[in-house]
N, C-alpha and C. Protein backbone atom coordinates (compact mmCIF):
# COMPACT_ATOMS: atom_id res chain seq x y z
N MET A 1 -17.50 -13.09 -8.98
CA MET A 1 -16.50 -12.30 -8.30
C MET A 1 -17.11 -11.62 -7.06
N SER A 2 -18.34 -11.14 -7.18
CA SER A 2 -18.95 -10.41 -6.07
C SER A 2 -19.23 -11.31 -4.86
N ALA A 3 -19.21 -12.61 -5.04
CA ALA A 3 -19.38 -13.51 -3.90
C ALA A 3 -18.14 -13.54 -3.02
N TYR A 4 -16.99 -13.16 -3.59
CA TYR A 4 -15.73 -13.23 -2.86
C TYR A 4 -15.13 -11.87 -2.53
N LEU A 5 -15.40 -10.87 -3.36
CA LEU A 5 -14.82 -9.55 -3.17
C LEU A 5 -15.89 -8.49 -3.02
N HIS A 6 -15.65 -7.54 -2.15
CA HIS A 6 -16.61 -6.47 -1.89
C HIS A 6 -15.86 -5.14 -1.86
N PRO A 7 -16.57 -4.03 -2.06
CA PRO A 7 -15.91 -2.73 -1.98
C PRO A 7 -15.15 -2.58 -0.66
N ASP A 8 -13.97 -1.98 -0.77
CA ASP A 8 -13.10 -1.81 0.39
C ASP A 8 -12.85 -0.31 0.59
N PRO A 9 -13.71 0.37 1.35
CA PRO A 9 -13.56 1.82 1.53
C PRO A 9 -12.25 2.23 2.19
N VAL A 10 -11.72 1.40 3.07
CA VAL A 10 -10.45 1.74 3.72
C VAL A 10 -9.32 1.72 2.69
N LEU A 11 -9.28 0.71 1.86
CA LEU A 11 -8.26 0.64 0.81
C LEU A 11 -8.45 1.78 -0.19
N ASP A 12 -9.69 2.07 -0.54
CA ASP A 12 -9.98 3.19 -1.44
C ASP A 12 -9.42 4.50 -0.88
N SER A 13 -9.66 4.75 0.39
CA SER A 13 -9.17 5.96 1.05
C SER A 13 -7.65 5.97 1.12
N THR A 14 -7.06 4.84 1.45
CA THR A 14 -5.60 4.73 1.53
C THR A 14 -4.96 5.06 0.19
N LEU A 15 -5.47 4.46 -0.87
CA LEU A 15 -4.92 4.72 -2.20
C LEU A 15 -5.13 6.17 -2.61
N GLY A 16 -6.28 6.73 -2.27
CA GLY A 16 -6.57 8.11 -2.60
C GLY A 16 -5.65 9.10 -1.90
N ALA A 17 -5.09 8.72 -0.77
CA ALA A 17 -4.20 9.60 -0.02
C ALA A 17 -2.77 9.61 -0.57
N LEU A 18 -2.49 8.72 -1.51
CA LEU A 18 -1.15 8.63 -2.08
C LEU A 18 -1.14 9.25 -3.47
N PRO A 19 -0.35 10.30 -3.68
CA PRO A 19 -0.36 10.99 -4.97
C PRO A 19 0.42 10.27 -6.08
N GLN A 20 1.19 9.28 -5.73
CA GLN A 20 2.00 8.58 -6.73
C GLN A 20 1.12 7.86 -7.75
N GLU A 21 1.65 7.73 -8.96
CA GLU A 21 0.95 6.94 -9.98
C GLU A 21 0.91 5.49 -9.52
N LYS A 22 -0.23 4.87 -9.73
CA LYS A 22 -0.42 3.48 -9.34
C LYS A 22 -0.77 2.68 -10.59
N VAL A 23 -0.06 1.58 -10.80
CA VAL A 23 -0.34 0.71 -11.93
C VAL A 23 -0.48 -0.73 -11.42
N ILE A 24 -1.18 -1.52 -12.18
CA ILE A 24 -1.31 -2.95 -11.90
C ILE A 24 -0.34 -3.69 -12.79
N PHE A 25 0.41 -4.61 -12.21
CA PHE A 25 1.35 -5.48 -12.93
C PHE A 25 0.93 -6.90 -12.58
N THR A 26 0.30 -7.59 -13.53
CA THR A 26 -0.32 -8.88 -13.24
C THR A 26 0.01 -9.93 -14.29
N ASN A 27 0.06 -11.17 -13.85
CA ASN A 27 0.20 -12.29 -14.77
C ASN A 27 -1.14 -12.69 -15.37
N ALA A 28 -2.20 -12.06 -14.92
CA ALA A 28 -3.55 -12.33 -15.45
C ALA A 28 -3.83 -11.39 -16.62
N SER A 29 -5.06 -11.41 -17.08
CA SER A 29 -5.47 -10.52 -18.18
C SER A 29 -5.96 -9.18 -17.62
N THR A 30 -5.96 -8.18 -18.48
CA THR A 30 -6.50 -6.88 -18.10
C THR A 30 -7.96 -7.01 -17.70
N GLU A 31 -8.70 -7.83 -18.42
CA GLU A 31 -10.12 -8.01 -18.13
C GLU A 31 -10.33 -8.54 -16.71
N HIS A 32 -9.53 -9.53 -16.32
CA HIS A 32 -9.65 -10.07 -14.97
C HIS A 32 -9.26 -9.02 -13.94
N ALA A 33 -8.15 -8.33 -14.17
CA ALA A 33 -7.72 -7.29 -13.23
C ALA A 33 -8.79 -6.22 -13.07
N ASN A 34 -9.42 -5.82 -14.16
CA ASN A 34 -10.49 -4.81 -14.09
C ASN A 34 -11.67 -5.31 -13.26
N ARG A 35 -12.04 -6.57 -13.41
CA ARG A 35 -13.14 -7.13 -12.62
C ARG A 35 -12.82 -7.08 -11.12
N VAL A 36 -11.59 -7.43 -10.77
CA VAL A 36 -11.18 -7.40 -9.37
C VAL A 36 -11.19 -5.96 -8.85
N LEU A 37 -10.61 -5.03 -9.61
CA LEU A 37 -10.56 -3.63 -9.18
C LEU A 37 -11.97 -3.05 -9.03
N GLN A 38 -12.86 -3.38 -9.95
CA GLN A 38 -14.25 -2.90 -9.86
C GLN A 38 -14.93 -3.47 -8.62
N ALA A 39 -14.74 -4.76 -8.37
CA ALA A 39 -15.37 -5.40 -7.21
C ALA A 39 -14.90 -4.76 -5.91
N LEU A 40 -13.62 -4.36 -5.86
CA LEU A 40 -13.08 -3.73 -4.66
C LEU A 40 -13.40 -2.23 -4.58
N GLY A 41 -13.90 -1.67 -5.69
CA GLY A 41 -14.23 -0.25 -5.72
C GLY A 41 -13.02 0.65 -5.78
N ILE A 42 -11.93 0.17 -6.38
CA ILE A 42 -10.69 0.95 -6.42
C ILE A 42 -10.15 1.16 -7.83
N ALA A 43 -10.91 0.81 -8.84
CA ALA A 43 -10.42 0.90 -10.22
C ALA A 43 -9.99 2.31 -10.60
N HIS A 44 -10.65 3.32 -10.05
CA HIS A 44 -10.35 4.71 -10.43
C HIS A 44 -8.96 5.16 -10.00
N HIS A 45 -8.26 4.39 -9.19
CA HIS A 45 -6.92 4.76 -8.76
C HIS A 45 -5.83 4.30 -9.73
N PHE A 46 -6.18 3.45 -10.68
CA PHE A 46 -5.18 2.84 -11.55
C PHE A 46 -5.40 3.26 -13.00
N ARG A 47 -4.43 3.99 -13.52
CA ARG A 47 -4.51 4.46 -14.90
C ARG A 47 -4.14 3.37 -15.90
N ARG A 48 -3.25 2.50 -15.48
CA ARG A 48 -2.74 1.51 -16.42
C ARG A 48 -2.66 0.12 -15.79
N ILE A 49 -2.87 -0.87 -16.63
CA ILE A 49 -2.71 -2.26 -16.23
C ILE A 49 -1.72 -2.90 -17.19
N PHE A 50 -0.68 -3.47 -16.63
CA PHE A 50 0.29 -4.22 -17.43
C PHE A 50 0.00 -5.69 -17.18
N ASP A 51 -0.62 -6.32 -18.17
CA ASP A 51 -1.03 -7.71 -18.02
C ASP A 51 -0.08 -8.63 -18.77
N ILE A 52 -0.44 -9.88 -18.84
CA ILE A 52 0.38 -10.90 -19.50
C ILE A 52 0.64 -10.56 -20.97
N ARG A 53 -0.32 -9.92 -21.61
CA ARG A 53 -0.11 -9.54 -23.02
C ARG A 53 0.86 -8.38 -23.14
N ALA A 54 0.78 -7.42 -22.21
CA ALA A 54 1.66 -6.25 -22.25
C ALA A 54 3.12 -6.64 -22.06
N THR A 55 3.36 -7.72 -21.35
CA THR A 55 4.73 -8.19 -21.12
C THR A 55 5.13 -9.26 -22.13
N ARG A 56 4.38 -9.31 -23.23
CA ARG A 56 4.66 -10.26 -24.32
C ARG A 56 4.73 -11.70 -23.79
N PHE A 57 3.81 -12.00 -22.87
CA PHE A 57 3.64 -13.33 -22.28
C PHE A 57 4.82 -13.78 -21.43
N HIS A 58 5.60 -12.81 -20.95
CA HIS A 58 6.61 -13.08 -19.92
C HIS A 58 5.93 -12.83 -18.58
N CYS A 59 5.93 -13.81 -17.72
CA CYS A 59 5.26 -13.71 -16.41
C CYS A 59 6.25 -13.32 -15.32
N LYS A 60 5.72 -12.61 -14.30
CA LYS A 60 6.52 -12.47 -13.08
C LYS A 60 6.78 -13.90 -12.60
N PRO A 61 7.93 -14.25 -12.17
CA PRO A 61 9.09 -13.44 -11.85
C PRO A 61 10.15 -13.34 -12.95
N ASP A 62 9.82 -13.64 -14.18
CA ASP A 62 10.78 -13.55 -15.29
C ASP A 62 11.35 -12.13 -15.37
N PRO A 63 12.67 -11.97 -15.31
CA PRO A 63 13.27 -10.64 -15.39
C PRO A 63 12.85 -9.85 -16.64
N GLU A 64 12.55 -10.55 -17.72
CA GLU A 64 12.13 -9.86 -18.94
C GLU A 64 10.80 -9.14 -18.74
N ALA A 65 9.90 -9.69 -17.94
CA ALA A 65 8.63 -9.03 -17.64
C ALA A 65 8.89 -7.70 -16.93
N PHE A 66 9.82 -7.69 -16.02
CA PHE A 66 10.16 -6.47 -15.28
C PHE A 66 10.83 -5.45 -16.20
N ARG A 67 11.71 -5.92 -17.08
CA ARG A 67 12.37 -5.03 -18.03
C ARG A 67 11.34 -4.35 -18.93
N ILE A 68 10.40 -5.12 -19.44
CA ILE A 68 9.34 -4.58 -20.31
C ILE A 68 8.50 -3.57 -19.55
N LEU A 69 8.13 -3.89 -18.32
CA LEU A 69 7.34 -2.98 -17.49
C LEU A 69 8.06 -1.65 -17.29
N LEU A 70 9.31 -1.70 -16.84
CA LEU A 70 10.05 -0.48 -16.56
C LEU A 70 10.25 0.36 -17.81
N GLU A 71 10.48 -0.29 -18.92
CA GLU A 71 10.63 0.44 -20.19
C GLU A 71 9.32 1.11 -20.59
N ALA A 72 8.22 0.44 -20.40
CA ALA A 72 6.91 0.97 -20.79
C ALA A 72 6.45 2.11 -19.88
N LEU A 73 6.86 2.10 -18.62
CA LEU A 73 6.35 3.12 -17.70
C LEU A 73 6.69 4.56 -18.12
N PRO A 74 7.75 5.03 -18.58
CA PRO A 74 9.10 4.56 -18.29
C PRO A 74 9.51 4.97 -16.89
N ALA A 75 10.27 4.09 -16.26
CA ALA A 75 10.73 4.37 -14.90
C ALA A 75 11.99 3.56 -14.63
N ARG A 76 12.72 4.03 -13.66
CA ARG A 76 13.87 3.26 -13.17
C ARG A 76 13.38 2.46 -11.96
N GLY A 77 14.01 1.34 -11.71
CA GLY A 77 13.61 0.49 -10.59
C GLY A 77 13.47 1.22 -9.27
N PRO A 78 14.45 2.06 -8.86
CA PRO A 78 14.35 2.72 -7.57
C PRO A 78 13.19 3.71 -7.44
N GLU A 79 12.55 4.04 -8.54
CA GLU A 79 11.38 4.92 -8.51
C GLU A 79 10.09 4.14 -8.25
N CYS A 80 10.20 2.82 -8.19
CA CYS A 80 9.01 1.96 -8.12
C CYS A 80 8.94 1.20 -6.80
N LEU A 81 7.71 0.92 -6.43
CA LEU A 81 7.42 0.10 -5.25
C LEU A 81 6.56 -1.07 -5.72
N LEU A 82 7.11 -2.27 -5.63
CA LEU A 82 6.38 -3.48 -6.02
C LEU A 82 5.74 -4.08 -4.78
N ILE A 83 4.42 -4.25 -4.84
CA ILE A 83 3.65 -4.82 -3.74
C ILE A 83 3.11 -6.15 -4.24
N ASP A 84 3.43 -7.22 -3.55
CA ASP A 84 3.04 -8.56 -4.02
C ASP A 84 2.92 -9.49 -2.83
N ASP A 85 2.21 -10.60 -3.03
CA ASP A 85 2.10 -11.61 -1.98
C ASP A 85 2.99 -12.81 -2.25
N ASN A 86 3.82 -12.72 -3.29
CA ASN A 86 4.68 -13.83 -3.67
C ASN A 86 6.15 -13.42 -3.54
N PRO A 87 6.88 -14.01 -2.61
CA PRO A 87 8.29 -13.64 -2.44
C PRO A 87 9.14 -13.80 -3.70
N ARG A 88 8.84 -14.79 -4.54
CA ARG A 88 9.60 -14.96 -5.79
C ARG A 88 9.47 -13.73 -6.68
N ASN A 89 8.26 -13.18 -6.78
CA ASN A 89 8.05 -11.98 -7.59
C ASN A 89 8.81 -10.79 -7.00
N LEU A 90 8.83 -10.72 -5.67
CA LEU A 90 9.52 -9.62 -5.02
C LEU A 90 11.03 -9.71 -5.21
N ARG A 91 11.57 -10.91 -5.17
CA ARG A 91 13.01 -11.07 -5.42
C ARG A 91 13.36 -10.59 -6.83
N ALA A 92 12.51 -10.90 -7.79
CA ALA A 92 12.75 -10.44 -9.17
C ALA A 92 12.62 -8.92 -9.26
N GLY A 93 11.65 -8.35 -8.57
CA GLY A 93 11.50 -6.90 -8.55
C GLY A 93 12.69 -6.23 -7.92
N LYS A 94 13.20 -6.81 -6.84
CA LYS A 94 14.38 -6.27 -6.16
C LYS A 94 15.58 -6.33 -7.10
N ALA A 95 15.72 -7.41 -7.85
CA ALA A 95 16.81 -7.54 -8.81
C ALA A 95 16.71 -6.47 -9.90
N ALA A 96 15.48 -6.01 -10.18
CA ALA A 96 15.27 -4.95 -11.17
C ALA A 96 15.45 -3.57 -10.54
N GLY A 97 15.78 -3.54 -9.25
CA GLY A 97 16.06 -2.28 -8.57
C GLY A 97 14.89 -1.68 -7.81
N MET A 98 13.76 -2.36 -7.78
CA MET A 98 12.56 -1.83 -7.15
C MET A 98 12.61 -1.99 -5.63
N HIS A 99 11.86 -1.14 -4.94
CA HIS A 99 11.57 -1.34 -3.53
C HIS A 99 10.46 -2.39 -3.48
N THR A 100 10.45 -3.21 -2.44
CA THR A 100 9.51 -4.33 -2.42
C THR A 100 8.76 -4.44 -1.10
N VAL A 101 7.49 -4.88 -1.20
CA VAL A 101 6.63 -5.07 -0.04
C VAL A 101 5.92 -6.42 -0.18
N LEU A 102 6.12 -7.27 0.81
CA LEU A 102 5.38 -8.52 0.89
C LEU A 102 4.12 -8.26 1.70
N VAL A 103 2.98 -8.66 1.15
CA VAL A 103 1.69 -8.40 1.81
C VAL A 103 0.99 -9.71 2.13
N GLY A 104 0.41 -9.75 3.33
CA GLY A 104 -0.47 -10.84 3.69
C GLY A 104 0.20 -12.07 4.24
N ARG A 105 1.47 -11.99 4.53
CA ARG A 105 2.18 -13.14 5.09
C ARG A 105 3.07 -12.69 6.23
N GLU A 106 3.31 -13.60 7.12
CA GLU A 106 4.30 -13.36 8.17
C GLU A 106 5.66 -13.68 7.57
N ALA A 107 6.53 -12.71 7.55
CA ALA A 107 7.87 -12.95 7.02
C ALA A 107 8.80 -11.85 7.50
N ALA A 108 10.03 -12.18 7.55
CA ALA A 108 11.03 -11.18 7.88
C ALA A 108 11.45 -10.48 6.59
N THR A 109 11.99 -9.29 6.74
CA THR A 109 12.54 -8.62 5.57
C THR A 109 13.85 -9.29 5.20
N GLY A 110 14.37 -8.93 4.04
CA GLY A 110 15.58 -9.55 3.52
C GLY A 110 15.23 -10.47 2.38
N ASP A 111 16.22 -10.97 1.70
CA ASP A 111 16.04 -11.85 0.55
C ASP A 111 15.06 -11.27 -0.46
N GLY A 112 15.27 -9.98 -0.78
CA GLY A 112 14.43 -9.33 -1.78
C GLY A 112 13.21 -8.64 -1.23
N ILE A 113 13.00 -8.72 0.08
CA ILE A 113 11.81 -8.10 0.69
C ILE A 113 12.26 -6.96 1.58
N ASP A 114 11.84 -5.74 1.22
CA ASP A 114 12.20 -4.56 2.02
C ASP A 114 11.24 -4.33 3.18
N PHE A 115 9.96 -4.59 2.94
CA PHE A 115 8.92 -4.36 3.95
C PHE A 115 7.96 -5.54 3.93
N CYS A 116 7.34 -5.79 5.06
CA CYS A 116 6.33 -6.85 5.15
C CYS A 116 5.12 -6.27 5.88
N LEU A 117 3.95 -6.39 5.28
CA LEU A 117 2.71 -5.85 5.85
C LEU A 117 1.65 -6.94 5.93
N ALA A 118 0.86 -6.87 6.97
CA ALA A 118 -0.27 -7.81 7.09
C ALA A 118 -1.33 -7.48 6.05
N SER A 119 -1.48 -6.19 5.73
CA SER A 119 -2.51 -5.75 4.79
C SER A 119 -1.98 -4.62 3.92
N VAL A 120 -2.42 -4.59 2.69
CA VAL A 120 -2.04 -3.51 1.78
C VAL A 120 -2.60 -2.17 2.28
N ARG A 121 -3.57 -2.22 3.14
CA ARG A 121 -4.14 -0.99 3.71
C ARG A 121 -3.10 -0.21 4.51
N GLN A 122 -1.99 -0.85 4.87
CA GLN A 122 -0.92 -0.21 5.64
C GLN A 122 0.15 0.42 4.75
N ILE A 123 -0.06 0.45 3.45
CA ILE A 123 0.98 0.86 2.51
C ILE A 123 1.39 2.32 2.64
N ARG A 124 0.52 3.14 3.14
CA ARG A 124 0.83 4.58 3.26
C ARG A 124 2.11 4.80 4.09
N ASP A 125 2.28 4.07 5.17
CA ASP A 125 3.47 4.22 6.00
C ASP A 125 4.74 3.87 5.22
N VAL A 126 4.68 2.84 4.41
CA VAL A 126 5.84 2.45 3.60
C VAL A 126 6.17 3.55 2.60
N VAL A 127 5.17 4.06 1.91
CA VAL A 127 5.39 5.12 0.92
C VAL A 127 6.00 6.34 1.59
N HIS A 128 5.50 6.70 2.75
CA HIS A 128 6.04 7.87 3.46
C HIS A 128 7.47 7.62 3.95
N THR A 129 7.77 6.39 4.33
CA THR A 129 9.14 6.05 4.72
C THR A 129 10.09 6.22 3.55
N LEU A 130 9.66 5.78 2.38
CA LEU A 130 10.53 5.83 1.20
C LEU A 130 10.65 7.22 0.60
N TRP A 131 9.53 7.93 0.48
CA TRP A 131 9.54 9.18 -0.28
C TRP A 131 9.04 10.39 0.50
N GLY A 132 8.72 10.20 1.77
CA GLY A 132 8.25 11.32 2.57
C GLY A 132 6.81 11.66 2.29
N SER A 133 6.25 12.49 3.13
CA SER A 133 4.85 12.89 3.00
C SER A 133 4.69 13.89 1.89
N LYS A 134 3.65 13.73 1.10
CA LYS A 134 3.33 14.67 0.02
C LYS A 134 2.15 15.54 0.40
N ASP A 135 1.58 15.36 1.63
CA ASP A 135 0.39 16.13 2.01
C ASP A 135 0.80 17.53 2.37
């Protein structure tokens, strides 16, 4: 993993500036997600990981995975911001009522995508647009 991923101080700082709870929602295992978070140096920002086992082996974009996630949080869709690089997952999140951000691709908003960012490092502006500044 360390051959491909390195600590990202800018992302660490960006996440640290956002007071909202941050969780990982992944089709992978918790163990894999933890390795990625550790390699990036951002694991301390995430209290919970919802992996393939937590969703009873329902994968994104299956609506049941989103239902299980929201019930477990517990949260309503409009209280959540789903950040993903897969438009199919974002469409499912939007159907669950979530705000959505497509990261790392050139795309227009619409069709389940509320915001589009070149990098997740830009997420602070989206959060402030949705919920205002907490500083």
